[in-house]
């Protein structure tokens, strides 16, 4: 099984950046993830 690259707490911190007013594009580029991954994390 593939090991997760980000821990659950890291994912939560990344998602909270959007609440602080950063754009999804900027957040995903900064962390090297796709926008699809970001939106999939939001659903969880």
C-alpha atoms as a PDB file:
ATOM      1  CA  UNK A   1       0.000   0.000   0.000  1.00  0.00           C
ATOM      2  CA  UNK A   2       1.214   3.506  -0.852  1.00  0.00           C
ATOM      3  CA  UNK A   3       2.346   5.619   2.090  1.00  0.00           C
ATOM      4  CA  UNK A   4       0.652   8.997   2.523  1.00  0.00           C
ATOM      5  CA  UNK A   5       2.786  12.003   1.681  1.00  0.00           C
ATOM      6  CA  UNK A   6       0.947  14.310   4.067  1.00  0.00           C
ATOM      7  CA  UNK A   7      -0.284  13.597   7.567  1.00  0.00           C
ATOM      8  CA  UNK A   8      -3.857  14.367   8.533  1.00  0.00           C
ATOM      9  CA  UNK A   9      -2.737  17.409  10.534  1.00  0.00           C
ATOM     10  CA  UNK A  10      -0.752  18.723   7.564  1.00  0.00           C
ATOM     11  CA  UNK A  11      -3.791  18.318   5.311  1.00  0.00           C
ATOM     12  CA  UNK A  12      -5.950  20.247   7.782  1.00  0.00           C
ATOM     13  CA  UNK A  13      -3.367  23.054   7.916  1.00  0.00           C
ATOM     14  CA  UNK A  14      -3.267  23.233   4.110  1.00  0.00           C
ATOM     15  CA  UNK A  15      -7.069  23.393   3.892  1.00  0.00           C
ATOM     16  CA  UNK A  16      -7.208  26.165   6.509  1.00  0.00           C
ATOM     17  CA  UNK A  17      -4.993  28.344   4.315  1.00  0.00           C
ATOM     18  CA  UNK A  18      -7.988  28.870   2.023  1.00  0.00           C
ATOM     19  CA  UNK A  19     -10.005  30.183   4.979  1.00  0.00           C
ATOM     20  CA  UNK A  20      -7.260  32.776   5.461  1.00  0.00           C
ATOM     21  CA  UNK A  21      -7.885  34.145   1.963  1.00  0.00           C
ATOM     22  CA  UNK A  22      -5.255  32.398  -0.161  1.00  0.00           C
ATOM     23  CA  UNK A  23      -6.316  31.120  -3.566  1.00  0.00           C
ATOM     24  CA  UNK A  24      -6.492  27.402  -4.266  1.00  0.00           C
ATOM     25  CA  UNK A  25      -4.020  27.796  -7.121  1.00  0.00           C
ATOM     26  CA  UNK A  26      -1.426  29.441  -4.872  1.00  0.00           C
ATOM     27  CA  UNK A  27      -1.891  26.845  -2.116  1.00  0.00           C
ATOM     28  CA  UNK A  28      -1.594  23.869  -4.455  1.00  0.00           C
ATOM     29  CA  UNK A  29       1.525  25.215  -6.159  1.00  0.00           C
ATOM     30  CA  UNK A  30       3.159  25.939  -2.810  1.00  0.00           C
ATOM     31  CA  UNK A  31       2.625  22.382  -1.589  1.00  0.00           C
ATOM     32  CA  UNK A  32       3.078  20.533  -4.889  1.00  0.00           C
ATOM     33  CA  UNK A  33      -0.406  19.032  -5.056  1.00  0.00           C
ATOM     34  CA  UNK A  34      -3.064  19.165  -7.749  1.00  0.00           C
ATOM     35  CA  UNK A  35      -6.244  21.191  -7.414  1.00  0.00           C
ATOM     36  CA  UNK A  36      -8.181  17.919  -7.701  1.00  0.00           C
ATOM     37  CA  UNK A  37      -6.341  16.558  -4.660  1.00  0.00           C
ATOM     38  CA  UNK A  38      -7.122  19.743  -2.729  1.00  0.00           C
ATOM     39  CA  UNK A  39     -10.842  19.481  -3.503  1.00  0.00           C
ATOM     40  CA  UNK A  40     -10.860  15.751  -2.691  1.00  0.00           C
ATOM     41  CA  UNK A  41      -9.344  16.525   0.717  1.00  0.00           C
ATOM     42  CA  UNK A  42     -12.085  19.101   1.343  1.00  0.00           C
ATOM     43  CA  UNK A  43     -14.745  16.427   0.865  1.00  0.00           C
ATOM     44  CA  UNK A  44     -13.151  14.220   3.507  1.00  0.00           C
END
